[in-house]
PDB file of N, CA and C in Angstrom:
ATOM      1  N   MET A   1      90.011 126.943 106.834  1.00  0.00           N
ATOM      2  CA  MET A   1      90.251 127.076 107.894  1.00  0.00           C
ATOM      3  C   MET A   1      90.618 127.925 108.715  1.00  0.00           C
ATOM      4  N   ALA A   2      90.645 128.818 109.711  1.00  0.00           N
ATOM      5  CA  ALA A   2      91.785 129.024 110.446  1.00  0.00           C
ATOM      6  C   ALA A   2      92.232 128.601 111.541  1.00  0.00           C
ATOM      7  N   SER A   3      93.521 129.236 111.830  1.00  0.00           N
ATOM      8  CA  SER A   3      93.738 128.526 113.398  1.00  0.00           C
ATOM      9  C   SER A   3      94.159 130.119 114.113  1.00  0.00           C
ATOM     10  N   ASP A   4      93.963 130.039 115.314  1.00  0.00           N
ATOM     11  CA  ASP A   4      94.389 131.737 116.351  1.00  0.00           C
ATOM     12  C   ASP A   4      95.269 130.912 117.266  1.00  0.00           C
ATOM     13  N   VAL A   5      96.657 131.390 117.289  1.00  0.00           N
ATOM     14  CA  VAL A   5      96.615 131.754 118.776  1.00  0.00           C
ATOM     15  C   VAL A   5      97.149 132.701 119.444  1.00  0.00           C
ATOM     16  N   PHE A   6      96.383 133.239 120.611  1.00  0.00           N
ATOM     17  CA  PHE A   6      96.015 133.967 121.243  1.00  0.00           C
ATOM     18  C   PHE A   6      97.087 134.556 122.161  1.00  0.00           C
ATOM     19  N   VAL A   7      97.810 135.301 121.940  1.00  0.00           N
ATOM     20  CA  VAL A   7      99.058 135.916 123.689  1.00  0.00           C
ATOM     21  C   VAL A   7      98.024 136.970 124.005  1.00  0.00           C
ATOM     22  N   ARG A   8      97.463 137.103 125.506  1.00  0.00           N
ATOM     23  CA  ARG A   8      96.491 137.831 125.728  1.00  0.00           C
ATOM     24  C   ARG A   8      97.354 138.658 126.819  1.00  0.00           C
ATOM     25  N   TRP A   9      97.085 139.282 127.096  1.00  0.00           N
ATOM     26  CA  TRP A   9      98.434 140.558 127.723  1.00  0.00           C
ATOM     27  C   TRP A   9      97.862 140.124 129.296  1.00  0.00           C
ATOM     28  N   LYS A  10      98.503 139.791 129.792  1.00  0.00           N
ATOM     29  CA  LYS A  10      98.020 140.301 132.006  1.00  0.00           C
ATOM     30  C   LYS A  10      98.505 141.454 133.154  1.00  0.00           C
ATOM     31  N   THR A  11      99.177 142.526 131.591  1.00  0.00           N
ATOM     32  CA  THR A  11      99.952 143.490 132.020  1.00  0.00           C
ATOM     33  C   THR A  11      99.790 144.593 131.438  1.00  0.00           C
ATOM     34  N   THR A  12     100.186 145.919 130.920  1.00  0.00           N
ATOM     35  CA  THR A  12     100.534 146.825 130.756  1.00  0.00           C
ATOM     36  C   THR A  12     101.231 146.689 129.594  1.00  0.00           C
ATOM     37  N   LYS A  13     102.427 145.564 129.794  1.00  0.00           N
ATOM     38  CA  LYS A  13     103.187 145.650 128.976  1.00  0.00           C
ATOM     39  C   LYS A  13     103.094 144.599 127.616  1.00  0.00           C
ATOM     40  N   ARG A  14     102.875 145.018 126.797  1.00  0.00           N
ATOM     41  CA  ARG A  14     103.552 144.460 125.537  1.00  0.00           C
ATOM     42  C   ARG A  14     104.134 144.948 124.484  1.00  0.00           C
ATOM     43  N   PRO A  15     104.132 144.768 123.262  1.00  0.00           N
ATOM     44  CA  PRO A  15     104.935 144.605 122.810  1.00  0.00           C
ATOM     45  C   PRO A  15     104.219 146.397 121.693  1.00  0.00           C
ATOM     46  N   THR A  16     105.222 147.024 120.938  1.00  0.00           N
ATOM     47  CA  THR A  16     104.589 148.200 120.058  1.00  0.00           C
ATOM     48  C   THR A  16     104.815 147.127 118.278  1.00  0.00           C
ATOM     49  N   ARG A  17     104.327 148.091 117.683  1.00  0.00           N
ATOM     50  CA  ARG A  17     104.160 147.623 116.545  1.00  0.00           C
ATOM     51  C   ARG A  17     105.162 146.615 116.061  1.00  0.00           C
ATOM     52  N   GLU A  18     105.925 148.271 116.011  1.00  0.00           N
ATOM     53  CA  GLU A  18     107.867 148.142 115.460  1.00  0.00           C
ATOM     54  C   GLU A  18     108.596 146.623 116.223  1.00  0.00           C
ATOM     55  N   GLU A  19     108.064 146.420 117.375  1.00  0.00           N
ATOM     56  CA  GLU A  19     109.031 145.168 118.255  1.00  0.00           C
ATOM     57  C   GLU A  19     107.959 144.110 118.093  1.00  0.00           C
ATOM     58  N   ALA A  20     107.106 144.302 117.323  1.00  0.00           N
ATOM     59  CA  ALA A  20     106.764 143.255 117.128  1.00  0.00           C
ATOM     60  C   ALA A  20     106.663 142.771 115.580  1.00  0.00           C
ATOM     61  N   GLU A  21     107.723 143.394 114.782  1.00  0.00           N
ATOM     62  CA  GLU A  21     108.053 143.326 113.369  1.00  0.00           C
ATOM     63  C   GLU A  21     109.872 142.708 113.679  1.00  0.00           C
ATOM     64  N   LYS A  22     110.117 143.164 114.068  1.00  0.00           N
ATOM     65  CA  LYS A  22     111.536 143.207 114.661  1.00  0.00           C
ATOM     66  C   LYS A  22     111.651 141.306 115.612  1.00  0.00           C
ATOM     67  N   VAL A  23     110.365 140.966 116.022  1.00  0.00           N
ATOM     68  CA  VAL A  23     110.449 139.810 116.970  1.00  0.00           C
ATOM     69  C   VAL A  23     110.370 138.898 115.681  1.00  0.00           C
ATOM     70  N   ILE A  24     109.112 138.345 114.994  1.00  0.00           N
ATOM     71  CA  ILE A  24     109.377 137.757 113.775  1.00  0.00           C
ATOM     72  C   ILE A  24     109.999 137.743 113.269  1.00  0.00           C
ATOM     73  N   GLN A  25     110.626 139.166 112.509  1.00  0.00           N
ATOM     74  CA  GLN A  25     111.443 138.936 111.689  1.00  0.00           C
ATOM     75  C   GLN A  25     112.967 138.186 112.801  1.00  0.00           C
ATOM     76  N   ASP A  26     113.544 138.027 113.557  1.00  0.00           N
ATOM     77  CA  ASP A  26     114.577 137.283 114.577  1.00  0.00           C
ATOM     78  C   ASP A  26     114.227 136.068 114.575  1.00  0.00           C
ATOM     79  N   PHE A  27     112.722 135.797 114.793  1.00  0.00           N
ATOM     80  CA  PHE A  27     112.366 134.169 115.374  1.00  0.00           C
ATOM     81  C   PHE A  27     112.364 133.602 113.263  1.00  0.00           C
ATOM     82  N   LEU A  28     111.486 133.997 112.907  1.00  0.00           N
ATOM     83  CA  LEU A  28     111.750 133.411 111.191  1.00  0.00           C
ATOM     84  C   LEU A  28     112.983 133.232 110.517  1.00  0.00           C
ATOM     85  N   GLY A  29     114.383 134.536 111.094  1.00  0.00           N
ATOM     86  CA  GLY A  29     114.595 134.393 110.267  1.00  0.00           C
ATOM     87  C   GLY A  29     114.304 134.506 109.156  1.00  0.00           C
ATOM     88  N   GLU A  30     115.946 133.947 107.827  1.00  0.00           N
ATOM     89  CA  GLU A  30     115.262 133.527 106.879  1.00  0.00           C
ATOM     90  C   GLU A  30     113.843 132.322 106.269  1.00  0.00           C
ATOM     91  N   VAL A  31     113.786 132.187 107.481  1.00  0.00           N
ATOM     92  CA  VAL A  31     112.478 130.557 106.985  1.00  0.00           C
ATOM     93  C   VAL A  31     111.148 132.286 106.479  1.00  0.00           C
ATOM     94  N   ALA A  32     111.325 133.232 107.173  1.00  0.00           N
ATOM     95  CA  ALA A  32     110.310 134.597 106.259  1.00  0.00           C
ATOM     96  C   ALA A  32     110.987 134.821 105.347  1.00  0.00           C
ATOM     97  N   THR A  33     110.325 134.698 104.056  1.00  0.00           N
ATOM     98  CA  THR A  33     110.319 134.898 102.803  1.00  0.00           C
ATOM     99  C   THR A  33     110.444 136.696 102.376  1.00  0.00           C
ATOM    100  N   GLU A  34     108.989 137.373 103.093  1.00  0.00           N
ATOM    101  CA  GLU A  34     108.200 138.378 103.167  1.00  0.00           C
ATOM    102  C   GLU A  34     107.782 139.005 104.609  1.00  0.00           C
ATOM    103  N   ILE A  35     107.717 140.207 105.089  1.00  0.00           N
ATOM    104  CA  ILE A  35     107.244 140.209 106.125  1.00  0.00           C
ATOM    105  C   ILE A  35     106.560 141.694 105.766  1.00  0.00           C
ATOM    106  N   GLU A  36     105.000 141.892 106.086  1.00  0.00           N
ATOM    107  CA  GLU A  36     104.382 143.000 104.985  1.00  0.00           C
ATOM    108  C   GLU A  36     103.475 143.285 106.121  1.00  0.00           C
ATOM    109  N   TRP A  37     103.592 144.753 106.601  1.00  0.00           N
ATOM    110  CA  TRP A  37     102.468 145.504 107.178  1.00  0.00           C
ATOM    111  C   TRP A  37     101.866 146.265 106.697  1.00  0.00           C
ATOM    112  N   LYS A  38     100.218 145.690 106.899  1.00  0.00           N
ATOM    113  CA  LYS A  38      98.733 146.018 105.668  1.00  0.00           C
ATOM    114  C   LYS A  38      97.954 145.982 106.925  1.00  0.00           C
ATOM    115  N   LYS A  39      97.398 147.652 106.484  1.00  0.00           N
ATOM    116  CA  LYS A  39      96.162 148.042 107.658  1.00  0.00           C
ATOM    117  C   LYS A  39      96.104 148.033 109.392  1.00  0.00           C
ATOM    118  N   ASP A  40      96.298 146.488 109.274  1.00  0.00           N
ATOM    119  CA  ASP A  40      95.872 146.185 110.798  1.00  0.00           C
ATOM    120  C   ASP A  40      96.491 145.314 111.380  1.00  0.00           C
ATOM    121  N   ARG A  41      97.382 144.001 110.106  1.00  0.00           N
ATOM    122  CA  ARG A  41      98.611 142.785 110.669  1.00  0.00           C
ATOM    123  C   ARG A  41      99.400 142.916 109.984  1.00  0.00           C
ATOM    124  N   PHE A  42     100.131 141.727 110.346  1.00  0.00           N
ATOM    125  CA  PHE A  42     101.319 141.414 109.380  1.00  0.00           C
ATOM    126  C   PHE A  42     101.182 140.144 108.704  1.00  0.00           C
ATOM    127  N   PHE A  43     101.720 140.704 107.880  1.00  0.00           N
ATOM    128  CA  PHE A  43     100.938 139.614 106.681  1.00  0.00           C
ATOM    129  C   PHE A  43     103.107 138.836 106.157  1.00  0.00           C
ATOM    130  N   VAL A  44     102.960 137.138 107.076  1.00  0.00           N
ATOM    131  CA  VAL A  44     104.530 136.697 106.875  1.00  0.00           C
ATOM    132  C   VAL A  44     104.053 135.536 105.729  1.00  0.00           C
ATOM    133  N   THR A  45     105.202 135.724 104.509  1.00  0.00           N
ATOM    134  CA  THR A  45     104.876 134.736 104.086  1.00  0.00           C
ATOM    135  C   THR A  45     106.731 133.740 103.905  1.00  0.00           C
ATOM    136  N   LEU A  46     106.162 132.189 104.472  1.00  0.00           N
ATOM    137  CA  LEU A  46     107.273 131.777 104.798  1.00  0.00           C
ATOM    138  C   LEU A  46     107.775 130.797 103.848  1.00  0.00           C
ATOM    139  N   ILE A  47     108.836 129.865 103.888  1.00  0.00           N
ATOM    140  CA  ILE A  47     109.802 129.572 102.279  1.00  0.00           C
ATOM    141  C   ILE A  47     107.982 128.357 102.243  1.00  0.00           C
ATOM    142  N   GLY A  48     108.913 128.005 100.956  1.00  0.00           N
ATOM    143  CA  GLY A  48     108.739 126.789 100.824  1.00  0.00           C
ATOM    144  C   GLY A  48     106.865 126.344 100.650  1.00  0.00           C
ATOM    145  N   LYS A  49     106.434 125.343  99.878  1.00  0.00           N
ATOM    146  CA  LYS A  49     104.625 125.331 100.309  1.00  0.00           C
ATOM    147  C   LYS A  49     104.052 123.583 101.099  1.00  0.00           C
ATOM    148  N   TRP A  50     103.110 124.205 100.705  1.00  0.00           N
ATOM    149  CA  TRP A  50     102.385 122.907 101.636  1.00  0.00           C
ATOM    150  C   TRP A  50     103.528 121.457 102.199  1.00  0.00           C
ATOM    151  N   SER A  51     103.555 121.146 102.735  1.00  0.00           N
ATOM    152  CA  SER A  51     103.680 119.258 102.969  1.00  0.00           C
ATOM    153  C   SER A  51     103.016 118.555 104.023  1.00  0.00           C
ATOM    154  N   HIS A  52     103.442 117.325 104.035  1.00  0.00           N
ATOM    155  CA  HIS A  52     102.958 117.161 105.301  1.00  0.00           C
ATOM    156  C   HIS A  52     104.368 116.150 105.550  1.00  0.00           C
ATOM    157  N   PRO A  53     104.288 115.683 106.732  1.00  0.00           N
ATOM    158  CA  PRO A  53     105.988 114.854 107.331  1.00  0.00           C
ATOM    159  C   PRO A  53     105.133 113.410 107.621  1.00  0.00           C
ATOM    160  N   LEU A  54     103.955 113.033 107.237  1.00  0.00           N
ATOM    161  CA  LEU A  54     103.729 111.814 107.200  1.00  0.00           C
ATOM    162  C   LEU A  54     103.261 111.579 105.987  1.00  0.00           C
ATOM    163  N   VAL A  55     102.886 112.196 104.435  1.00  0.00           N
ATOM    164  CA  VAL A  55     102.536 111.845 103.831  1.00  0.00           C
ATOM    165  C   VAL A  55     103.510 110.552 102.546  1.00  0.00           C
ATOM    166  N   ARG A  56     104.874 110.198 103.485  1.00  0.00           N
ATOM    167  CA  ARG A  56     105.301 109.459 102.636  1.00  0.00           C
ATOM    168  C   ARG A  56     105.561 107.701 103.519  1.00  0.00           C
ATOM    169  N   VAL A  57     104.771 107.894 104.332  1.00  0.00           N
ATOM    170  CA  VAL A  57     104.822 106.896 106.125  1.00  0.00           C
ATOM    171  C   VAL A  57     103.865 106.294 105.739  1.00  0.00           C
ATOM    172  N   VAL A  58     102.143 106.990 105.805  1.00  0.00           N
ATOM    173  CA  VAL A  58     101.152 106.412 105.417  1.00  0.00           C
ATOM    174  C   VAL A  58     100.758 105.335 104.454  1.00  0.00           C
ATOM    175  N   GLU A  59      99.670 104.376 104.483  1.00  0.00           N
ATOM    176  CA  GLU A  59      99.398 103.872 103.805  1.00  0.00           C
ATOM    177  C   GLU A  59      99.031 104.236 102.318  1.00  0.00           C
ATOM    178  N   PRO A  60      99.162 103.751 100.952  1.00  0.00           N
ATOM    179  CA  PRO A  60      98.748 104.655  99.958  1.00  0.00           C
ATOM    180  C   PRO A  60      97.666 105.009  99.582  1.00  0.00           C
ATOM    181  N   ALA A  61      96.480 104.344 100.535  1.00  0.00           N
ATOM    182  CA  ALA A  61      94.880 105.276 100.267  1.00  0.00           C
ATOM    183  C   ALA A  61      94.397 106.408 101.202  1.00  0.00           C
ATOM    184  N   MET A  62      95.714 106.475 102.331  1.00  0.00           N
ATOM    185  CA  MET A  62      95.892 107.756 103.387  1.00  0.00           C
ATOM    186  C   MET A  62      96.742 108.645 102.794  1.00  0.00           C
ATOM    187  N   GLN A  63      97.691 108.213 101.496  1.00  0.00           N
ATOM    188  CA  GLN A  63      98.758 109.514 100.814  1.00  0.00           C
ATOM    189  C   GLN A  63      97.236 110.371 100.116  1.00  0.00           C
ATOM    190  N   ASP A  64      96.532 109.812  99.380  1.00  0.00           N
ATOM    191  CA  ASP A  64      95.269 111.136  98.905  1.00  0.00           C
ATOM    192  C   ASP A  64      94.324 111.641  99.814  1.00  0.00           C
ATOM    193  N   VAL A  65      94.301 111.516 100.811  1.00  0.00           N
ATOM    194  CA  VAL A  65      93.780 111.865 101.725  1.00  0.00           C
ATOM    195  C   VAL A  65      94.569 113.313 102.338  1.00  0.00           C
ATOM    196  N   ILE A  66      95.667 113.193 102.703  1.00  0.00           N
ATOM    197  CA  ILE A  66      96.767 113.580 103.405  1.00  0.00           C
ATOM    198  C   ILE A  66      97.035 114.729 102.113  1.00  0.00           C
ATOM    199  N   LYS A  67      97.159 114.684 101.217  1.00  0.00           N
ATOM    200  CA  LYS A  67      97.216 115.058 100.242  1.00  0.00           C
ATOM    201  C   LYS A  67      96.235 115.810  99.302  1.00  0.00           C
ATOM    202  N   ASN A  68      95.275 115.899  99.555  1.00  0.00           N
ATOM    203  CA  ASN A  68      93.434 116.695  99.491  1.00  0.00           C
ATOM    204  C   ASN A  68      93.393 117.683 100.685  1.00  0.00           C
ATOM    205  N   MET A  69      94.389 117.479 101.931  1.00  0.00           N
ATOM    206  CA  MET A  69      94.030 117.642 102.508  1.00  0.00           C
ATOM    207  C   MET A  69      94.034 119.923 102.139  1.00  0.00           C
ATOM    208  N   TYR A  70      95.047 119.535 101.618  1.00  0.00           N
ATOM    209  CA  TYR A  70      95.195 121.559 101.269  1.00  0.00           C
ATOM    210  C   TYR A  70      95.062 121.844 100.228  1.00  0.00           C
ATOM    211  N   PRO A  71      93.862 123.045 100.043  1.00  0.00           N
ATOM    212  CA  PRO A  71      93.279 123.288  98.685  1.00  0.00           C
ATOM    213  C   PRO A  71      93.746 123.706  97.665  1.00  0.00           C
ATOM    214  N   LYS A  72      93.464 123.314  96.489  1.00  0.00           N
ATOM    215  CA  LYS A  72      94.302 123.718  94.891  1.00  0.00           C
ATOM    216  C   LYS A  72      94.268 125.123  94.462  1.00  0.00           C
ATOM    217  N   GLU A  73      93.704 125.667  94.913  1.00  0.00           N
ATOM    218  CA  GLU A  73      93.116 126.967  94.097  1.00  0.00           C
ATOM    219  C   GLU A  73      94.168 127.709  94.277  1.00  0.00           C
ATOM    220  N   GLU A  74      93.891 128.717  93.509  1.00  0.00           N
ATOM    221  CA  GLU A  74      94.742 129.551  93.006  1.00  0.00           C
ATOM    222  C   GLU A  74      95.531 130.393  94.502  1.00  0.00           C
ATOM    223  N   GLY A  75      96.509 131.067  95.059  1.00  0.00           N
ATOM    224  CA  GLY A  75      96.555 131.648  95.690  1.00  0.00           C
ATOM    225  C   GLY A  75      97.114 131.439  97.387  1.00  0.00           C
ATOM    226  N   TRP A  76      96.061 130.303  97.388  1.00  0.00           N
ATOM    227  CA  TRP A  76      96.599 128.837  98.458  1.00  0.00           C
ATOM    228  C   TRP A  76      97.781 128.332  98.467  1.00  0.00           C
ATOM    229  N   GLU A  77      98.540 128.322  97.738  1.00  0.00           N
ATOM    230  CA  GLU A  77      99.231 127.451  97.993  1.00  0.00           C
ATOM    231  C   GLU A  77     100.766 127.859  98.097  1.00  0.00           C
ATOM    232  N   GLY A  78     100.880 128.968  98.991  1.00  0.00           N
ATOM    233  CA  GLY A  78     102.508 129.226  99.955  1.00  0.00           C
ATOM    234  C   GLY A  78     101.816 128.977 101.321  1.00  0.00           C
ATOM    235  N   ARG A  79     102.627 129.065 102.272  1.00  0.00           N
ATOM    236  CA  ARG A  79     102.922 129.331 103.377  1.00  0.00           C
ATOM    237  C   ARG A  79     102.537 130.477 103.923  1.00  0.00           C
ATOM    238  N   TYR A  80     101.789 131.410 104.864  1.00  0.00           N
ATOM    239  CA  TYR A  80     101.942 131.849 105.741  1.00  0.00           C
ATOM    240  C   TYR A  80     100.952 132.395 106.673  1.00  0.00           C
ATOM    241  N   LEU A  81     101.453 133.264 107.635  1.00  0.00           N
ATOM    242  CA  LEU A  81     101.221 133.752 109.002  1.00  0.00           C
ATOM    243  C   LEU A  81     100.296 135.302 108.857  1.00  0.00           C
ATOM    244  N   GLU A  82      99.779 135.558 109.707  1.00  0.00           N
ATOM    245  CA  GLU A  82      98.775 136.635 109.451  1.00  0.00           C
ATOM    246  C   GLU A  82      99.572 137.018 111.408  1.00  0.00           C
ATOM    247  N   VAL A  83      99.364 138.311 111.751  1.00  0.00           N
ATOM    248  CA  VAL A  83      99.959 138.405 112.872  1.00  0.00           C
ATOM    249  C   VAL A  83      99.055 139.849 113.471  1.00  0.00           C
ATOM    250  N   TRP A  84      98.168 139.376 114.332  1.00  0.00           N
ATOM    251  CA  TRP A  84      97.484 140.939 114.412  1.00  0.00           C
ATOM    252  C   TRP A  84      97.754 141.719 115.727  1.00  0.00           C
ATOM    253  N   LEU A  85      97.916 143.126 115.625  1.00  0.00           N
ATOM    254  CA  LEU A  85      98.351 143.365 117.696  1.00  0.00           C
ATOM    255  C   LEU A  85      97.866 143.602 117.673  1.00  0.00           C
ATOM    256  N   GLY A  86      96.816 143.105 118.594  1.00  0.00           N
ATOM    257  CA  GLY A  86      95.490 144.631 119.350  1.00  0.00           C
ATOM    258  C   GLY A  86      95.966 145.444 120.477  1.00  0.00           C
ATOM    259  N   ASP A  87      95.016 145.702 121.389  1.00  0.00           N
ATOM    260  CA  ASP A  87      95.133 146.708 122.562  1.00  0.00           C
ATOM    261  C   ASP A  87      95.653 145.446 123.494  1.00  0.00           C
ATOM    262  N   ASP A  88      94.251 144.886 123.786  1.00  0.00           N
ATOM    263  CA  ASP A  88      94.692 143.851 124.806  1.00  0.00           C
ATOM    264  C   ASP A  88      95.268 142.142 124.519  1.00  0.00           C
ATOM    265  N   SER A  89      95.569 142.082 122.971  1.00  0.00           N
ATOM    266  CA  SER A  89      96.165 141.057 122.981  1.00  0.00           C
ATOM    267  C   SER A  89      97.048 140.632 121.343  1.00  0.00           C
ATOM    268  N   LEU A  90      97.382 139.311 121.327  1.00  0.00           N
ATOM    269  CA  LEU A  90      98.129 139.484 119.357  1.00  0.00           C
ATOM    270  C   LEU A  90      97.596 138.431 119.717  1.00  0.00           C
ATOM    271  N   ASP A  91      97.525 138.240 117.848  1.00  0.00           N
ATOM    272  CA  ASP A  91      96.715 136.600 117.227  1.00  0.00           C
ATOM    273  C   ASP A  91      97.822 136.400 116.134  1.00  0.00           C
ATOM    274  N   VAL A  92      97.930 135.303 116.223  1.00  0.00           N
ATOM    275  CA  VAL A  92      99.116 134.410 115.041  1.00  0.00           C
ATOM    276  C   VAL A  92      98.226 133.455 114.591  1.00  0.00           C
ATOM    277  N   MET A  93      97.781 133.926 113.613  1.00  0.00           N
ATOM    278  CA  MET A  93      96.660 133.227 112.804  1.00  0.00           C
ATOM    279  C   MET A  93      97.211 132.950 111.626  1.00  0.00           C
ATOM    280  N   THR A  94      96.671 131.146 111.198  1.00  0.00           N
ATOM    281  CA  THR A  94      97.088 130.826 110.050  1.00  0.00           C
ATOM    282  C   THR A  94      96.093 130.292 109.242  1.00  0.00           C
ATOM    283  N   ARG A  95      95.932 130.324 107.901  1.00  0.00           N
ATOM    284  CA  ARG A  95      94.670 129.917 107.493  1.00  0.00           C
ATOM    285  C   ARG A  95      94.907 129.079 106.290  1.00  0.00           C
ATOM    286  N   ARG A  96      94.038 127.704 106.091  1.00  0.00           N
ATOM    287  CA  ARG A  96      94.554 126.684 105.874  1.00  0.00           C
ATOM    288  C   ARG A  96      95.665 126.239 105.000  1.00  0.00           C
ATOM    289  N   GLN A  97      96.809 125.897 106.414  1.00  0.00           N
ATOM    290  CA  GLN A  97      98.369 125.519 106.505  1.00  0.00           C
ATOM    291  C   GLN A  97      98.176 123.743 107.065  1.00  0.00           C
ATOM    292  N   ASP A  98      99.708 124.397 106.689  1.00  0.00           N
ATOM    293  CA  ASP A  98     100.713 122.926 106.755  1.00  0.00           C
ATOM    294  C   ASP A  98     101.104 123.028 108.132  1.00  0.00           C
ATOM    295  N   GLU A  99     101.728 121.381 109.314  1.00  0.00           N
ATOM    296  CA  GLU A  99     102.672 121.377 110.000  1.00  0.00           C
ATOM    297  C   GLU A  99     103.148 122.216 110.339  1.00  0.00           C
ATOM    298  N   PHE A 100     104.671 122.489 109.303  1.00  0.00           N
ATOM    299  CA  PHE A 100     105.336 123.384 109.355  1.00  0.00           C
ATOM    300  C   PHE A 100     104.632 124.512 110.168  1.00  0.00           C
ATOM    301  N   THR A 101     103.225 125.426 109.368  1.00  0.00           N
ATOM    302  CA  THR A 101     103.466 126.717 109.442  1.00  0.00           C
ATOM    303  C   THR A 101     102.447 126.368 110.667  1.00  0.00           C
ATOM    304  N   HIS A 102     102.366 125.764 110.897  1.00  0.00           N
ATOM    305  CA  HIS A 102     101.369 125.728 112.661  1.00  0.00           C
ATOM    306  C   HIS A 102     102.456 125.671 113.784  1.00  0.00           C
ATOM    307  N   ALA A 103     103.840 124.786 112.922  1.00  0.00           N
ATOM    308  CA  ALA A 103     104.891 125.210 114.168  1.00  0.00           C
ATOM    309  C   ALA A 103     105.559 126.074 114.776  1.00  0.00           C
ATOM    310  N   CYS A 104     105.589 126.928 113.592  1.00  0.00           N
ATOM    311  CA  CYS A 104     106.146 128.097 113.650  1.00  0.00           C
ATOM    312  C   CYS A 104     104.826 129.513 114.102  1.00  0.00           C
ATOM    313  N   GLN A 105     103.298 129.212 113.658  1.00  0.00           N
ATOM    314  CA  GLN A 105     102.714 129.998 114.534  1.00  0.00           C
ATOM    315  C   GLN A 105     102.329 129.977 115.738  1.00  0.00           C
ATOM    316  N   ASP A 106     102.370 128.302 117.029  1.00  0.00           N
ATOM    317  CA  ASP A 106     103.211 127.952 117.861  1.00  0.00           C
ATOM    318  C   ASP A 106     104.452 128.657 118.910  1.00  0.00           C
ATOM    319  N   GLY A 107     105.522 128.728 118.323  1.00  0.00           N
ATOM    320  CA  GLY A 107     107.054 128.863 118.732  1.00  0.00           C
ATOM    321  C   GLY A 107     106.116 131.028 118.194  1.00  0.00           C
ATOM    322  N   LEU A 108     106.054 131.011 117.792  1.00  0.00           N
ATOM    323  CA  LEU A 108     106.178 133.124 117.676  1.00  0.00           C
ATOM    324  C   LEU A 108     105.063 132.908 118.499  1.00  0.00           C
ATOM    325  N   ALA A 109     103.371 132.557 119.151  1.00  0.00           N
ATOM    326  CA  ALA A 109     103.316 133.117 119.847  1.00  0.00           C
ATOM    327  C   ALA A 109     104.336 132.849 121.398  1.00  0.00           C
ATOM    328  N   ALA A 110     104.361 131.998 121.800  1.00  0.00           N
ATOM    329  CA  ALA A 110     105.262 131.084 122.855  1.00  0.00           C
ATOM    330  C   ALA A 110     105.926 132.275 123.293  1.00  0.00           C
ATOM    331  N   VAL A 111     107.496 133.101 122.175  1.00  0.00           N
ATOM    332  CA  VAL A 111     107.923 133.914 122.465  1.00  0.00           C
ATOM    333  C   VAL A 111     107.395 135.293 122.699  1.00  0.00           C
ATOM    334  N   PHE A 112     106.321 135.527 122.251  1.00  0.00           N
ATOM    335  CA  PHE A 112     105.664 137.116 122.402  1.00  0.00           C
ATOM    336  C   PHE A 112     104.981 136.802 124.169  1.00  0.00           C
ATOM    337  N   ALA A 113     104.224 135.353 124.365  1.00  0.00           N
ATOM    338  CA  ALA A 113     103.891 135.241 125.336  1.00  0.00           C
ATOM    339  C   ALA A 113     104.735 135.160 126.928  1.00  0.00           C
ATOM    340  N   ARG A 114     106.086 134.498 126.323  1.00  0.00           N
ATOM    341  CA  ARG A 114     107.518 134.447 127.700  1.00  0.00           C
ATOM    342  C   ARG A 114     107.439 135.910 127.689  1.00  0.00           C
ATOM    343  N   PHE A 115     108.052 136.679 127.192  1.00  0.00           N
ATOM    344  CA  PHE A 115     108.366 137.657 126.957  1.00  0.00           C
ATOM    345  C   PHE A 115     108.146 139.271 128.131  1.00  0.00           C
ATOM    346  N   TRP A 116     106.188 139.201 127.297  1.00  0.00           N
ATOM    347  CA  TRP A 116     105.841 139.928 128.006  1.00  0.00           C
ATOM    348  C   TRP A 116     104.619 139.554 128.523  1.00  0.00           C
ATOM    349  N   GLU A 117     105.001 138.787 129.247  1.00  0.00           N
ATOM    350  CA  GLU A 117     104.262 137.793 130.421  1.00  0.00           C
ATOM    351  C   GLU A 117     102.934 137.808 130.145  1.00  0.00           C
ATOM    352  N   GLY A 118     102.272 137.006 128.205  1.00  0.00           N
ATOM    353  CA  GLY A 118     101.236 136.805 128.177  1.00  0.00           C
ATOM    354  C   GLY A 118     100.823 135.869 128.325  1.00  0.00           C
ATOM    355  N   GLU A 119      99.748 135.286 128.226  1.00  0.00           N
ATOM    356  CA  GLU A 119      98.739 133.958 127.857  1.00  0.00           C
ATOM    357  C   GLU A 119      98.432 133.790 127.053  1.00  0.00           C
ATOM    358  N   ILE A 120      98.735 132.079 126.716  1.00  0.00           N
ATOM    359  CA  ILE A 120      98.429 131.814 125.189  1.00  0.00           C
ATOM    360  C   ILE A 120      97.252 131.481 125.422  1.00  0.00           C
ATOM    361  N   GLU A 121      96.120 131.186 124.252  1.00  0.00           N
ATOM    362  CA  GLU A 121      94.746 130.795 124.441  1.00  0.00           C
ATOM    363  C   GLU A 121      94.854 130.092 122.874  1.00  0.00           C
ATOM    364  N   LYS A 122      94.284 128.866 123.149  1.00  0.00           N
ATOM    365  CA  LYS A 122      93.658 128.433 121.185  1.00  0.00           C
ATOM    366  C   LYS A 122      93.071 128.475 121.179  1.00  0.00           C
TER     367      LYS A 122
END
């Protein structure tokens, strides 16, 4: 399941592709192990594998529920974001990701919204 955080531009002020890439690089720093532009978006690979901050503090029965929240199919075991740069908005998207990745998603969208005077829509 995908999760989108849109930044809708309220004015004509918006980032270029080059500016967006620099913001992604500088916001995520070493947390981003790869940033690649493919066709119409950035694919941002993040450090580490899925985790959950509560898995070791909940009851054992809930630990299994949490561990099974993340799919085991090949190709889905890592953390990543997609950043779509459109004419009227920017979309920071995750697909089947963990709390850490969603925190990166929210923070990155907030930086774009703040600087380019956009409005966040989830």
